[in-house]
Amino acid sequence: MTRAYNQLTPVEEVLWDPKKDPTLLKLNFAAGSMTADMMPLGPRRSEIYITGRKREEGEQYFAASERIRQVTLGSGAVTVSDTEIITEFQWDAGNDDEMKAVQRIAVYLTPNPNSREGVLWQQVNGKAVAFFDYEMDMRRSSN
């Protein structure tokens, strides 16, 4: 889902059945126009597996982390990415309608021994290779 901010094609369908399997989310993407290298982008499907979840609560905060593996299947290509998302939500003191959040997204290489990425994964000992930090201000809707 972290790649949803920069999609070349819209999400057509989201499939998630939390009662059957809360750890699996499927996204179907429409066929796109052209990629940056002018190649046609066909329909794709992403399967997102939540491989780990943790949470912690306090009086004024809630923290959650998820570790996911995203497998994207496209025309003749399969892309696998591992990501960990850690978010801490904190109530604004004195205002129950406002909340602030800080989020860190850690990106990992995948341990495929048959690829260059797998070799690099071994060199970094499975540690994260990129971090993205976000701050969010949220307000309760009046609806």
N, C-alpha and C. Protein backbone atom coordinates (compact mmCIF):
# COMPACT_ATOMS: atom_id res chain seq x y z
N MET A 1 0.81 -1.18 0.00
CA MET A 1 0.00 0.00 0.00
C MET A 1 0.86 1.26 0.00
N THR A 2 2.11 1.15 0.41
CA THR A 2 2.93 2.34 0.45
C THR A 2 3.19 2.88 -0.94
N ARG A 3 3.08 2.05 -1.94
CA ARG A 3 3.29 2.51 -3.31
C ARG A 3 2.03 3.14 -3.90
N ALA A 4 0.93 3.12 -3.19
CA ALA A 4 -0.33 3.67 -3.70
C ALA A 4 -0.26 5.17 -3.91
N TYR A 5 0.70 5.86 -3.30
CA TYR A 5 0.80 7.30 -3.46
C TYR A 5 1.30 7.69 -4.85
N ASN A 6 1.94 6.78 -5.56
CA ASN A 6 2.54 7.12 -6.85
C ASN A 6 2.16 6.08 -7.89
N GLN A 7 0.89 5.86 -8.07
CA GLN A 7 0.43 4.84 -9.00
C GLN A 7 0.27 5.40 -10.40
N LEU A 8 0.68 4.60 -11.38
CA LEU A 8 0.45 4.96 -12.77
C LEU A 8 -0.93 4.52 -13.21
N THR A 9 -1.53 3.61 -12.49
CA THR A 9 -2.86 3.12 -12.82
C THR A 9 -3.73 3.11 -11.57
N PRO A 10 -5.02 3.29 -11.75
CA PRO A 10 -5.90 3.30 -10.57
C PRO A 10 -6.16 1.89 -10.04
N VAL A 11 -6.47 1.84 -8.76
CA VAL A 11 -6.88 0.59 -8.14
C VAL A 11 -8.32 0.32 -8.58
N GLU A 12 -8.55 -0.84 -9.17
CA GLU A 12 -9.89 -1.20 -9.64
C GLU A 12 -10.70 -1.91 -8.57
N GLU A 13 -10.01 -2.73 -7.77
CA GLU A 13 -10.73 -3.57 -6.81
C GLU A 13 -9.83 -3.87 -5.62
N VAL A 14 -10.42 -3.83 -4.45
CA VAL A 14 -9.73 -4.21 -3.21
C VAL A 14 -10.46 -5.42 -2.65
N LEU A 15 -9.75 -6.51 -2.43
CA LEU A 15 -10.34 -7.73 -1.89
C LEU A 15 -9.72 -8.03 -0.54
N TRP A 16 -10.56 -8.05 0.48
CA TRP A 16 -10.08 -8.34 1.83
C TRP A 16 -11.23 -8.93 2.61
N ASP A 17 -11.02 -10.11 3.15
CA ASP A 17 -12.03 -10.76 3.98
C ASP A 17 -11.40 -11.02 5.35
N PRO A 18 -11.57 -10.07 6.30
CA PRO A 18 -10.90 -10.20 7.59
C PRO A 18 -11.36 -11.41 8.40
N LYS A 19 -12.55 -11.92 8.13
CA LYS A 19 -13.01 -13.10 8.88
C LYS A 19 -12.35 -14.37 8.34
N LYS A 20 -12.13 -14.43 7.04
CA LYS A 20 -11.52 -15.62 6.44
C LYS A 20 -10.00 -15.60 6.63
N ASP A 21 -9.35 -14.47 6.29
CA ASP A 21 -7.90 -14.35 6.43
C ASP A 21 -7.54 -12.88 6.59
N PRO A 22 -7.40 -12.40 7.82
CA PRO A 22 -7.10 -10.98 8.03
C PRO A 22 -5.68 -10.58 7.63
N THR A 23 -4.85 -11.55 7.27
CA THR A 23 -3.46 -11.24 6.91
C THR A 23 -3.25 -11.10 5.41
N LEU A 24 -4.31 -11.20 4.60
CA LEU A 24 -4.17 -11.14 3.15
C LEU A 24 -5.08 -10.07 2.57
N LEU A 25 -4.47 -9.18 1.80
CA LEU A 25 -5.19 -8.11 1.10
C LEU A 25 -4.79 -8.19 -0.36
N LYS A 26 -5.77 -8.12 -1.27
CA LYS A 26 -5.47 -8.17 -2.70
C LYS A 26 -5.94 -6.89 -3.36
N LEU A 27 -5.09 -6.35 -4.23
CA LEU A 27 -5.43 -5.14 -5.00
C LEU A 27 -5.34 -5.48 -6.47
N ASN A 28 -6.37 -5.15 -7.24
CA ASN A 28 -6.35 -5.32 -8.68
C ASN A 28 -6.25 -3.93 -9.31
N PHE A 29 -5.27 -3.75 -10.20
CA PHE A 29 -5.04 -2.48 -10.86
C PHE A 29 -5.53 -2.56 -12.30
N ALA A 30 -6.08 -1.49 -12.80
CA ALA A 30 -6.50 -1.42 -14.20
C ALA A 30 -5.27 -1.36 -15.09
N ALA A 31 -5.47 -1.64 -16.37
CA ALA A 31 -4.37 -1.49 -17.32
C ALA A 31 -4.05 0.00 -17.42
N GLY A 32 -2.77 0.31 -17.45
CA GLY A 32 -2.36 1.71 -17.49
C GLY A 32 -1.98 2.13 -18.89
N SER A 33 -1.60 3.37 -19.02
CA SER A 33 -1.20 3.89 -20.33
C SER A 33 0.26 3.51 -20.60
N MET A 34 1.18 4.37 -20.23
CA MET A 34 2.60 4.13 -20.50
C MET A 34 3.41 4.36 -19.23
N THR A 35 4.49 3.60 -19.08
CA THR A 35 5.41 3.81 -17.97
C THR A 35 6.39 4.91 -18.36
N ALA A 36 7.31 5.24 -17.46
CA ALA A 36 8.29 6.29 -17.72
C ALA A 36 9.17 5.96 -18.93
N ASP A 37 9.40 4.66 -19.21
CA ASP A 37 10.22 4.28 -20.36
C ASP A 37 9.37 3.98 -21.60
N MET A 38 8.13 4.48 -21.61
CA MET A 38 7.21 4.40 -22.75
C MET A 38 6.77 2.97 -23.09
N MET A 39 6.77 2.09 -22.13
CA MET A 39 6.27 0.73 -22.33
C MET A 39 4.83 0.68 -21.85
N PRO A 40 3.96 -0.06 -22.53
CA PRO A 40 2.57 -0.16 -22.06
C PRO A 40 2.51 -0.92 -20.74
N LEU A 41 1.66 -0.46 -19.87
CA LEU A 41 1.50 -1.06 -18.55
C LEU A 41 0.19 -1.82 -18.54
N GLY A 42 0.27 -3.14 -18.48
CA GLY A 42 -0.93 -3.97 -18.49
C GLY A 42 -1.56 -4.06 -17.10
N PRO A 43 -2.62 -4.83 -16.98
CA PRO A 43 -3.25 -4.98 -15.66
C PRO A 43 -2.30 -5.70 -14.71
N ARG A 44 -2.40 -5.34 -13.43
CA ARG A 44 -1.54 -5.95 -12.41
C ARG A 44 -2.38 -6.30 -11.20
N ARG A 45 -1.81 -7.18 -10.38
CA ARG A 45 -2.46 -7.56 -9.13
C ARG A 45 -1.39 -7.60 -8.05
N SER A 46 -1.72 -7.02 -6.90
CA SER A 46 -0.82 -7.09 -5.74
C SER A 46 -1.46 -7.91 -4.66
N GLU A 47 -0.69 -8.78 -4.08
CA GLU A 47 -1.12 -9.54 -2.91
C GLU A 47 -0.25 -9.08 -1.75
N ILE A 48 -0.88 -8.60 -0.70
CA ILE A 48 -0.17 -8.06 0.44
C ILE A 48 -0.40 -9.00 1.62
N TYR A 49 0.68 -9.53 2.13
CA TYR A 49 0.63 -10.47 3.25
C TYR A 49 1.14 -9.76 4.50
N ILE A 50 0.30 -9.67 5.51
CA ILE A 50 0.72 -9.07 6.77
C ILE A 50 1.39 -10.18 7.58
N THR A 51 2.70 -10.05 7.74
CA THR A 51 3.47 -11.12 8.37
C THR A 51 3.75 -10.88 9.84
N GLY A 52 3.44 -9.69 10.32
CA GLY A 52 3.64 -9.40 11.73
C GLY A 52 2.88 -8.16 12.14
N ARG A 53 2.30 -8.21 13.34
CA ARG A 53 1.57 -7.06 13.88
C ARG A 53 1.87 -6.93 15.35
N LYS A 54 2.03 -5.69 15.80
CA LYS A 54 2.18 -5.42 17.23
C LYS A 54 1.45 -4.12 17.52
N ARG A 55 1.05 -3.97 18.80
CA ARG A 55 0.43 -2.72 19.20
C ARG A 55 0.74 -2.44 20.66
N GLU A 56 0.61 -1.18 20.98
CA GLU A 56 0.86 -0.74 22.35
C GLU A 56 -0.06 0.45 22.61
N GLU A 57 -0.64 0.50 23.79
CA GLU A 57 -1.58 1.57 24.12
C GLU A 57 -1.20 2.23 25.43
N GLY A 58 -1.50 3.49 25.51
CA GLY A 58 -1.37 4.25 26.74
C GLY A 58 -2.58 5.15 26.89
N GLU A 59 -2.55 6.01 27.88
CA GLU A 59 -3.70 6.87 28.12
C GLU A 59 -3.91 7.88 27.00
N GLN A 60 -2.83 8.43 26.46
CA GLN A 60 -2.94 9.46 25.42
C GLN A 60 -2.36 9.04 24.07
N TYR A 61 -1.97 7.77 23.93
CA TYR A 61 -1.38 7.36 22.65
C TYR A 61 -1.76 5.92 22.30
N PHE A 62 -1.55 5.60 21.04
CA PHE A 62 -1.73 4.25 20.52
C PHE A 62 -0.64 4.06 19.47
N ALA A 63 0.12 2.99 19.57
CA ALA A 63 1.18 2.71 18.60
C ALA A 63 0.90 1.36 17.95
N ALA A 64 1.17 1.28 16.66
CA ALA A 64 0.95 0.03 15.93
C ALA A 64 2.07 -0.17 14.92
N SER A 65 2.42 -1.42 14.71
CA SER A 65 3.40 -1.73 13.67
C SER A 65 2.91 -2.94 12.88
N GLU A 66 3.20 -2.92 11.60
CA GLU A 66 2.88 -4.05 10.72
C GLU A 66 4.09 -4.31 9.83
N ARG A 67 4.34 -5.56 9.61
CA ARG A 67 5.36 -5.96 8.66
C ARG A 67 4.63 -6.65 7.52
N ILE A 68 4.90 -6.21 6.29
CA ILE A 68 4.17 -6.76 5.15
C ILE A 68 5.13 -7.20 4.05
N ARG A 69 4.66 -8.16 3.28
CA ARG A 69 5.33 -8.55 2.05
C ARG A 69 4.33 -8.33 0.93
N GLN A 70 4.72 -7.52 -0.05
CA GLN A 70 3.85 -7.22 -1.18
C GLN A 70 4.40 -7.92 -2.42
N VAL A 71 3.55 -8.75 -3.03
CA VAL A 71 3.91 -9.45 -4.26
C VAL A 71 3.04 -8.86 -5.36
N THR A 72 3.67 -8.23 -6.35
CA THR A 72 2.94 -7.62 -7.45
C THR A 72 3.18 -8.45 -8.70
N LEU A 73 2.08 -8.91 -9.29
CA LEU A 73 2.12 -9.75 -10.48
C LEU A 73 1.66 -8.93 -11.67
N GLY A 74 2.52 -8.82 -12.67
CA GLY A 74 2.18 -8.06 -13.86
C GLY A 74 2.47 -8.89 -15.10
N SER A 75 2.44 -8.23 -16.24
CA SER A 75 2.69 -8.91 -17.52
C SER A 75 4.15 -9.36 -17.57
N GLY A 76 4.38 -10.62 -17.28
CA GLY A 76 5.72 -11.19 -17.36
C GLY A 76 6.68 -10.74 -16.27
N ALA A 77 6.17 -10.15 -15.21
CA ALA A 77 7.06 -9.68 -14.15
C ALA A 77 6.42 -9.90 -12.78
N VAL A 78 7.27 -10.25 -11.83
CA VAL A 78 6.84 -10.39 -10.44
C VAL A 78 7.79 -9.54 -9.59
N THR A 79 7.21 -8.68 -8.77
CA THR A 79 8.01 -7.83 -7.89
C THR A 79 7.63 -8.15 -6.45
N VAL A 80 8.64 -8.35 -5.61
CA VAL A 80 8.41 -8.64 -4.20
C VAL A 80 9.08 -7.55 -3.38
N SER A 81 8.34 -7.01 -2.40
CA SER A 81 8.93 -6.00 -1.52
C SER A 81 8.50 -6.26 -0.09
N ASP A 82 9.42 -6.04 0.83
CA ASP A 82 9.15 -6.18 2.26
C ASP A 82 9.20 -4.80 2.90
N THR A 83 8.22 -4.51 3.74
CA THR A 83 8.09 -3.20 4.35
C THR A 83 7.61 -3.35 5.79
N GLU A 84 8.08 -2.47 6.65
CA GLU A 84 7.58 -2.39 8.02
C GLU A 84 7.07 -0.97 8.23
N ILE A 85 5.85 -0.86 8.77
CA ILE A 85 5.21 0.43 8.99
C ILE A 85 4.95 0.57 10.48
N ILE A 86 5.49 1.61 11.07
CA ILE A 86 5.32 1.87 12.50
C ILE A 86 4.66 3.23 12.64
N THR A 87 3.53 3.29 13.33
CA THR A 87 2.79 4.54 13.49
C THR A 87 2.44 4.73 14.95
N GLU A 88 2.70 5.94 15.44
CA GLU A 88 2.28 6.30 16.80
C GLU A 88 1.26 7.43 16.69
N PHE A 89 0.07 7.17 17.22
CA PHE A 89 -1.02 8.15 17.24
C PHE A 89 -1.07 8.75 18.64
N GLN A 90 -1.24 10.07 18.70
CA GLN A 90 -1.32 10.72 20.00
C GLN A 90 -2.45 11.74 19.99
N TRP A 91 -3.33 11.64 21.02
CA TRP A 91 -4.42 12.60 21.16
C TRP A 91 -3.85 13.97 21.44
N ASP A 92 -4.45 14.99 20.84
CA ASP A 92 -4.07 16.37 21.14
C ASP A 92 -4.58 16.70 22.54
N ALA A 93 -3.71 17.14 23.41
CA ALA A 93 -4.09 17.42 24.80
C ALA A 93 -5.23 18.43 24.85
N GLY A 94 -6.30 18.06 25.52
CA GLY A 94 -7.44 18.94 25.71
C GLY A 94 -8.41 18.99 24.53
N ASN A 95 -8.14 18.24 23.46
CA ASN A 95 -9.04 18.27 22.30
C ASN A 95 -9.20 16.85 21.77
N ASP A 96 -10.31 16.19 22.11
CA ASP A 96 -10.54 14.81 21.68
C ASP A 96 -10.87 14.68 20.20
N ASP A 97 -11.06 15.80 19.51
CA ASP A 97 -11.37 15.75 18.08
C ASP A 97 -10.13 15.84 17.21
N GLU A 98 -8.95 15.98 17.81
CA GLU A 98 -7.73 16.09 17.02
C GLU A 98 -6.70 15.08 17.48
N MET A 99 -5.98 14.54 16.52
CA MET A 99 -4.96 13.54 16.80
C MET A 99 -3.77 13.80 15.88
N LYS A 100 -2.59 13.54 16.39
CA LYS A 100 -1.37 13.65 15.60
C LYS A 100 -0.77 12.25 15.47
N ALA A 101 -0.08 12.03 14.39
CA ALA A 101 0.56 10.73 14.20
C ALA A 101 1.94 10.95 13.57
N VAL A 102 2.85 10.08 13.94
CA VAL A 102 4.18 10.03 13.34
C VAL A 102 4.33 8.62 12.78
N GLN A 103 4.74 8.54 11.53
CA GLN A 103 4.85 7.23 10.89
C GLN A 103 6.24 7.08 10.28
N ARG A 104 6.80 5.88 10.46
CA ARG A 104 8.07 5.54 9.82
C ARG A 104 7.84 4.28 8.99
N ILE A 105 8.26 4.34 7.74
CA ILE A 105 8.17 3.19 6.85
C ILE A 105 9.60 2.74 6.57
N ALA A 106 9.89 1.49 6.88
CA ALA A 106 11.22 0.92 6.63
C ALA A 106 11.09 -0.06 5.46
N VAL A 107 11.98 0.07 4.49
CA VAL A 107 11.96 -0.77 3.29
C VAL A 107 13.14 -1.74 3.36
N TYR A 108 12.84 -3.00 3.10
CA TYR A 108 13.85 -4.06 3.15
C TYR A 108 14.04 -4.67 1.76
N LEU A 109 15.22 -5.18 1.51
CA LEU A 109 15.45 -5.99 0.32
C LEU A 109 14.88 -7.38 0.58
N THR A 110 14.64 -8.13 -0.48
CA THR A 110 14.08 -9.48 -0.30
C THR A 110 15.18 -10.52 -0.46
N PRO A 111 15.09 -11.60 0.32
CA PRO A 111 16.17 -12.60 0.34
C PRO A 111 16.09 -13.63 -0.79
N ASN A 112 16.14 -13.17 -2.03
CA ASN A 112 16.13 -14.08 -3.18
C ASN A 112 17.57 -14.36 -3.59
N PRO A 113 18.07 -15.58 -3.38
CA PRO A 113 19.49 -15.85 -3.68
C PRO A 113 19.81 -15.84 -5.17
N ASN A 114 18.78 -15.83 -6.03
CA ASN A 114 19.00 -15.87 -7.47
C ASN A 114 18.97 -14.50 -8.12
N SER A 115 19.04 -13.44 -7.32
CA SER A 115 18.98 -12.10 -7.90
C SER A 115 20.04 -11.21 -7.26
N ARG A 116 20.30 -10.10 -7.89
CA ARG A 116 21.24 -9.11 -7.35
C ARG A 116 20.72 -8.58 -6.01
N GLU A 117 19.40 -8.39 -5.91
CA GLU A 117 18.82 -7.92 -4.65
C GLU A 117 19.07 -8.90 -3.52
N GLY A 118 19.02 -10.19 -3.82
CA GLY A 118 19.29 -11.21 -2.80
C GLY A 118 20.73 -11.15 -2.30
N VAL A 119 21.65 -10.89 -3.21
CA VAL A 119 23.06 -10.75 -2.82
C VAL A 119 23.22 -9.52 -1.93
N LEU A 120 22.58 -8.42 -2.31
CA LEU A 120 22.64 -7.20 -1.50
C LEU A 120 21.98 -7.41 -0.14
N TRP A 121 20.89 -8.17 -0.10
CA TRP A 121 20.21 -8.49 1.16
C TRP A 121 21.19 -9.17 2.13
N GLN A 122 22.00 -10.09 1.60
CA GLN A 122 22.99 -10.76 2.43
C GLN A 122 24.05 -9.77 2.92
N GLN A 123 24.44 -8.83 2.08
CA GLN A 123 25.47 -7.86 2.46
C GLN A 123 25.00 -6.93 3.58
N VAL A 124 23.70 -6.61 3.61
CA VAL A 124 23.18 -5.71 4.66
C VAL A 124 22.59 -6.49 5.82
N ASN A 125 22.77 -7.81 5.80
CA ASN A 125 22.29 -8.69 6.87
C ASN A 125 20.79 -8.56 7.14
N GLY A 126 20.00 -8.36 6.09
CA GLY A 126 18.55 -8.29 6.24
C GLY A 126 18.03 -7.02 6.88
N LYS A 127 18.88 -6.01 7.06
CA LYS A 127 18.44 -4.76 7.69
C LYS A 127 17.76 -3.86 6.67
N ALA A 128 17.00 -2.89 7.16
CA ALA A 128 16.30 -1.94 6.29
C ALA A 128 17.32 -1.13 5.48
N VAL A 129 16.95 -0.81 4.25
CA VAL A 129 17.84 -0.04 3.37
C VAL A 129 17.32 1.36 3.08
N ALA A 130 16.07 1.64 3.47
CA ALA A 130 15.51 2.99 3.27
C ALA A 130 14.46 3.24 4.33
N PHE A 131 14.35 4.51 4.72
CA PHE A 131 13.34 4.92 5.70
C PHE A 131 12.59 6.13 5.16
N PHE A 132 11.29 6.17 5.39
CA PHE A 132 10.47 7.31 5.04
C PHE A 132 9.69 7.71 6.29
N ASP A 133 9.76 8.98 6.66
CA ASP A 133 9.08 9.47 7.86
C ASP A 133 7.99 10.46 7.47
N TYR A 134 6.83 10.33 8.13
CA TYR A 134 5.68 11.18 7.86
C TYR A 134 5.09 11.68 9.16
N GLU A 135 4.56 12.89 9.12
CA GLU A 135 3.80 13.44 10.24
C GLU A 135 2.40 13.74 9.73
N MET A 136 1.39 13.38 10.53
CA MET A 136 0.00 13.58 10.12
C MET A 136 -0.78 14.30 11.22
N ASP A 137 -1.62 15.23 10.81
CA ASP A 137 -2.56 15.89 11.71
C ASP A 137 -3.96 15.48 11.26
N MET A 138 -4.74 14.94 12.19
CA MET A 138 -6.08 14.45 11.85
C MET A 138 -7.12 15.12 12.72
N ARG A 139 -8.26 15.41 12.11
CA ARG A 139 -9.39 15.98 12.82
C ARG A 139 -10.62 15.14 12.57
N ARG A 140 -11.42 14.95 13.63
CA ARG A 140 -12.66 14.20 13.50
C ARG A 140 -13.62 14.95 12.57
N SER A 141 -14.21 14.24 11.65
CA SER A 141 -15.17 14.83 10.73
C SER A 141 -16.47 15.15 11.46
N SER A 142 -17.12 16.21 11.05
CA SER A 142 -18.38 16.58 11.68
C SER A 142 -19.56 15.75 11.17
N ASN A 143 -19.34 14.91 10.17
CA ASN A 143 -20.43 14.08 9.61
C ASN A 143 -20.80 12.97 10.54
